[in-house]
N, C-alpha and C. Protein backbone atom coordinates (compact mmCIF):
# COMPACT_ATOMS: atom_id res chain seq x y z
N MET A 1 13.40 23.81 -22.97
CA MET A 1 13.76 22.93 -22.16
C MET A 1 14.18 21.46 -22.70
N HIS A 2 15.22 20.95 -22.24
CA HIS A 2 15.69 19.75 -22.87
C HIS A 2 14.94 18.47 -22.57
N PRO A 3 14.44 17.63 -23.57
CA PRO A 3 13.45 16.43 -23.30
C PRO A 3 13.85 15.51 -22.06
N VAL A 4 15.27 15.49 -21.86
CA VAL A 4 15.77 14.61 -20.75
C VAL A 4 15.26 15.04 -19.46
N ILE A 5 15.47 16.58 -19.44
CA ILE A 5 15.03 17.13 -18.07
C ILE A 5 13.45 16.91 -17.85
N ILE A 6 12.61 17.10 -18.92
CA ILE A 6 11.29 16.99 -18.97
C ILE A 6 10.92 15.53 -18.38
N ILE A 7 11.34 14.63 -18.80
CA ILE A 7 11.37 13.24 -18.47
C ILE A 7 11.71 13.00 -17.10
N ILE A 8 12.65 13.43 -16.60
CA ILE A 8 13.08 13.37 -15.25
C ILE A 8 12.02 14.10 -14.29
N VAL A 9 11.53 15.11 -14.72
CA VAL A 9 10.51 15.94 -13.93
C VAL A 9 9.34 15.17 -13.80
N VAL A 10 8.88 14.70 -14.93
CA VAL A 10 7.62 13.83 -15.08
C VAL A 10 7.84 12.49 -14.10
N VAL A 11 9.02 11.85 -14.27
CA VAL A 11 9.06 10.77 -13.35
C VAL A 11 9.17 11.06 -11.81
N VAL A 12 9.77 12.10 -11.55
CA VAL A 12 9.77 12.52 -10.09
C VAL A 12 8.26 12.98 -9.53
N VAL A 13 7.71 13.60 -10.30
CA VAL A 13 6.36 13.96 -9.94
C VAL A 13 5.41 12.92 -9.73
N ILE A 14 5.54 11.69 -10.61
CA ILE A 14 4.77 10.49 -10.53
C ILE A 14 5.07 9.89 -9.40
N LEU A 15 6.42 9.81 -9.03
CA LEU A 15 6.88 9.00 -7.89
C LEU A 15 6.46 9.67 -6.58
N VAL A 16 6.40 11.12 -6.46
CA VAL A 16 5.84 11.88 -5.44
C VAL A 16 4.57 11.66 -5.08
N VAL A 17 3.90 11.75 -6.12
CA VAL A 17 2.40 11.61 -6.21
C VAL A 17 1.85 10.14 -5.56
N ASN A 18 2.74 8.99 -6.14
CA ASN A 18 2.45 7.74 -5.50
C ASN A 18 3.01 7.49 -4.07
N VAL A 19 3.92 8.21 -3.86
CA VAL A 19 4.30 8.09 -2.41
C VAL A 19 3.24 8.62 -1.42
N VAL A 20 2.65 9.97 -1.66
CA VAL A 20 1.57 10.64 -1.01
C VAL A 20 0.44 9.72 -1.05
N ARG A 21 0.08 9.26 -2.25
CA ARG A 21 -1.30 8.47 -2.34
C ARG A 21 -1.25 7.27 -1.35
N ILE A 22 -0.20 6.41 -1.22
CA ILE A 22 0.22 5.30 -0.61
C ILE A 22 0.01 5.65 0.87
N ALA A 23 0.89 6.77 1.48
CA ALA A 23 0.71 7.11 2.76
C ALA A 23 -0.64 7.52 3.13
N VAL A 24 -1.52 8.33 2.42
CA VAL A 24 -2.87 8.62 2.83
C VAL A 24 -3.65 7.41 3.01
N LYS A 25 -3.49 6.52 1.78
CA LYS A 25 -4.13 5.21 1.95
C LYS A 25 -3.89 4.38 2.96
N SER A 26 -2.65 4.24 3.31
CA SER A 26 -2.39 3.39 4.43
C SER A 26 -2.57 4.03 5.86
N SER A 27 -2.93 5.24 6.01
CA SER A 27 -3.38 5.66 7.25
C SER A 27 -4.91 5.72 7.26
N ARG A 28 -5.56 5.56 6.32
CA ARG A 28 -6.93 5.50 6.32
C ARG A 28 -7.57 4.18 5.99
N SER A 29 -6.86 3.18 6.05
CA SER A 29 -7.29 1.70 6.00
C SER A 29 -6.88 0.63 6.56
N HIS A 30 -7.50 -0.33 6.57
CA HIS A 30 -6.91 -1.65 7.44
C HIS A 30 -7.31 -2.89 6.53
N PHE A 31 -6.75 -4.05 7.10
CA PHE A 31 -6.95 -5.30 6.43
C PHE A 31 -7.60 -6.21 7.49
N GLU A 32 -8.10 -7.24 6.94
CA GLU A 32 -8.93 -8.39 7.59
C GLU A 32 -7.94 -9.74 6.97
N CYS A 33 -7.47 -10.42 8.10
CA CYS A 33 -6.81 -11.72 7.58
C CYS A 33 -8.12 -12.54 7.06
N PRO A 34 -7.92 -13.30 6.00
CA PRO A 34 -8.71 -14.29 5.80
C PRO A 34 -8.82 -15.70 6.56
N ALA A 35 -7.57 -15.88 7.06
CA ALA A 35 -7.46 -17.04 7.82
C ALA A 35 -8.02 -17.09 9.22
N CYS A 36 -7.70 -15.97 9.84
CA CYS A 36 -8.28 -15.90 11.45
C CYS A 36 -9.24 -14.62 11.58
N GLY A 37 -9.63 -13.97 10.60
CA GLY A 37 -10.25 -12.81 10.76
C GLY A 37 -9.98 -11.45 11.47
N GLU A 38 -8.49 -11.55 11.93
CA GLU A 38 -7.72 -10.31 12.69
C GLU A 38 -7.74 -9.07 11.75
N HIS A 39 -8.29 -7.95 12.29
CA HIS A 39 -8.12 -6.73 11.57
C HIS A 39 -6.89 -6.27 12.16
N PHE A 40 -6.01 -5.53 11.09
CA PHE A 40 -4.96 -4.76 11.53
C PHE A 40 -4.56 -3.79 10.43
N GLN A 41 -3.74 -2.96 10.85
CA GLN A 41 -3.44 -1.88 9.93
C GLN A 41 -1.79 -2.06 9.64
N ALA A 42 -1.51 -1.82 8.30
CA ALA A 42 -0.33 -1.93 7.92
C ALA A 42 0.41 -0.65 7.82
N SER A 43 1.76 -0.61 8.05
CA SER A 43 2.66 0.45 8.22
C SER A 43 2.80 1.13 6.74
N PHE A 44 3.34 2.27 6.77
CA PHE A 44 3.44 2.87 5.38
C PHE A 44 4.56 2.07 4.58
N ALA A 45 5.67 1.62 5.38
CA ALA A 45 6.77 0.91 4.66
C ALA A 45 6.11 -0.59 4.19
N GLN A 46 5.24 -1.06 4.96
CA GLN A 46 4.68 -2.48 4.56
C GLN A 46 3.84 -2.19 3.14
N SER A 47 3.11 -1.19 3.19
CA SER A 47 2.16 -0.77 2.17
C SER A 47 2.94 -0.24 0.96
N PHE A 48 4.15 0.44 1.17
CA PHE A 48 4.73 0.77 -0.08
C PHE A 48 5.84 -0.31 -0.60
N PHE A 49 6.42 -1.08 0.34
CA PHE A 49 7.34 -2.08 -0.47
C PHE A 49 6.75 -3.39 -0.77
N THR A 50 5.40 -3.73 -0.44
CA THR A 50 4.77 -5.07 -0.79
C THR A 50 4.31 -4.90 -2.02
N ALA A 51 4.12 -6.05 -2.48
CA ALA A 51 3.49 -6.26 -3.84
C ALA A 51 1.98 -5.97 -3.53
N HIS A 52 1.31 -5.42 -4.64
CA HIS A 52 -0.08 -5.03 -4.48
C HIS A 52 -0.76 -4.98 -5.84
N SER A 53 -1.97 -5.09 -5.92
CA SER A 53 -2.77 -4.83 -7.00
C SER A 53 -3.63 -3.71 -7.14
N LEU A 54 -4.06 -3.22 -8.26
CA LEU A 54 -4.69 -2.14 -8.41
C LEU A 54 -6.15 -2.19 -7.94
N GLY A 55 -6.49 -3.66 -7.66
CA GLY A 55 -7.77 -3.73 -7.02
C GLY A 55 -7.80 -3.51 -5.34
N GLY A 56 -6.53 -3.06 -4.83
CA GLY A 56 -6.56 -2.84 -3.37
C GLY A 56 -6.07 -4.11 -2.54
N GLN A 57 -5.46 -4.98 -3.16
CA GLN A 57 -5.12 -6.34 -2.39
C GLN A 57 -3.53 -6.10 -2.37
N TYR A 58 -3.16 -6.48 -1.00
CA TYR A 58 -1.74 -6.36 -0.78
C TYR A 58 -1.18 -7.65 -0.21
N HIS A 59 0.09 -8.03 -0.52
CA HIS A 59 0.59 -9.13 -0.12
C HIS A 59 1.12 -9.07 1.48
N LEU A 60 0.62 -9.24 2.39
CA LEU A 60 0.98 -9.12 3.68
C LEU A 60 0.85 -10.37 4.53
N THR A 61 1.29 -10.12 5.67
CA THR A 61 1.43 -11.28 6.76
C THR A 61 0.62 -10.84 8.00
N CYS A 62 -0.15 -11.64 8.38
CA CYS A 62 -1.15 -11.53 9.39
C CYS A 62 -0.19 -11.62 10.86
N PRO A 63 -0.32 -10.32 11.58
CA PRO A 63 0.48 -10.29 12.91
C PRO A 63 -0.01 -11.14 13.92
N LYS A 64 -1.16 -11.80 13.75
CA LYS A 64 -1.89 -12.61 14.87
C LYS A 64 -1.30 -14.11 14.67
N CYS A 65 -1.77 -14.65 13.23
CA CYS A 65 -1.77 -15.98 13.02
C CYS A 65 -0.42 -16.22 12.04
N GLY A 66 0.11 -15.31 11.47
CA GLY A 66 1.30 -15.38 10.58
C GLY A 66 0.97 -15.90 9.03
N GLN A 67 -0.38 -15.92 8.84
CA GLN A 67 -0.84 -16.19 7.52
C GLN A 67 -0.25 -15.39 6.55
N THR A 68 0.39 -15.51 5.27
CA THR A 68 0.83 -14.61 4.38
C THR A 68 0.03 -14.92 3.10
N GLY A 69 -0.42 -13.71 2.39
CA GLY A 69 -1.06 -13.88 1.08
C GLY A 69 -1.57 -12.53 0.92
N LEU A 70 -2.47 -12.36 -0.29
CA LEU A 70 -3.15 -11.40 -0.59
C LEU A 70 -4.10 -11.02 0.42
N MET A 71 -4.31 -9.79 0.67
CA MET A 71 -5.39 -9.47 1.60
C MET A 71 -5.90 -8.04 1.12
N THR A 72 -7.26 -7.80 1.26
CA THR A 72 -7.81 -6.67 0.71
C THR A 72 -7.84 -5.61 1.58
N SER A 73 -7.67 -4.29 1.17
CA SER A 73 -7.74 -3.17 1.98
C SER A 73 -9.25 -2.74 2.04
N LEU A 74 -9.42 -2.62 3.55
CA LEU A 74 -10.74 -2.24 3.73
C LEU A 74 -10.94 -0.65 4.44
N PRO A 75 -11.95 0.07 4.08
CA PRO A 75 -11.76 1.41 4.54
C PRO A 75 -11.85 1.63 6.03
N GLY A 76 -11.26 2.67 6.65
CA GLY A 76 -11.35 2.79 8.01
C GLY A 76 -10.11 2.48 8.81
N LYS A 77 -9.90 3.04 9.80
CA LYS A 77 -8.57 2.76 10.65
C LYS A 77 -9.16 1.68 11.64
N GLN A 78 -8.12 1.04 12.25
CA GLN A 78 -8.43 -0.22 13.03
C GLN A 78 -7.83 -0.11 14.33
């Protein structure tokens, strides 16, 4: 098998695994706004396209007060 094809297959597998991981995590977690305490769930698109850290923090905007910043992912649906 050609090395370029192997690299493409590996990259596609990594992308698919990450999309599935983010979809599962976003459906099983919620966030708490540090400013107002509102608990809310982010959509898959918000979870996928926003900046986030390996520690489970996502750069989101609170739907209640509009505060924008890093918010920690908490277990459970809200």
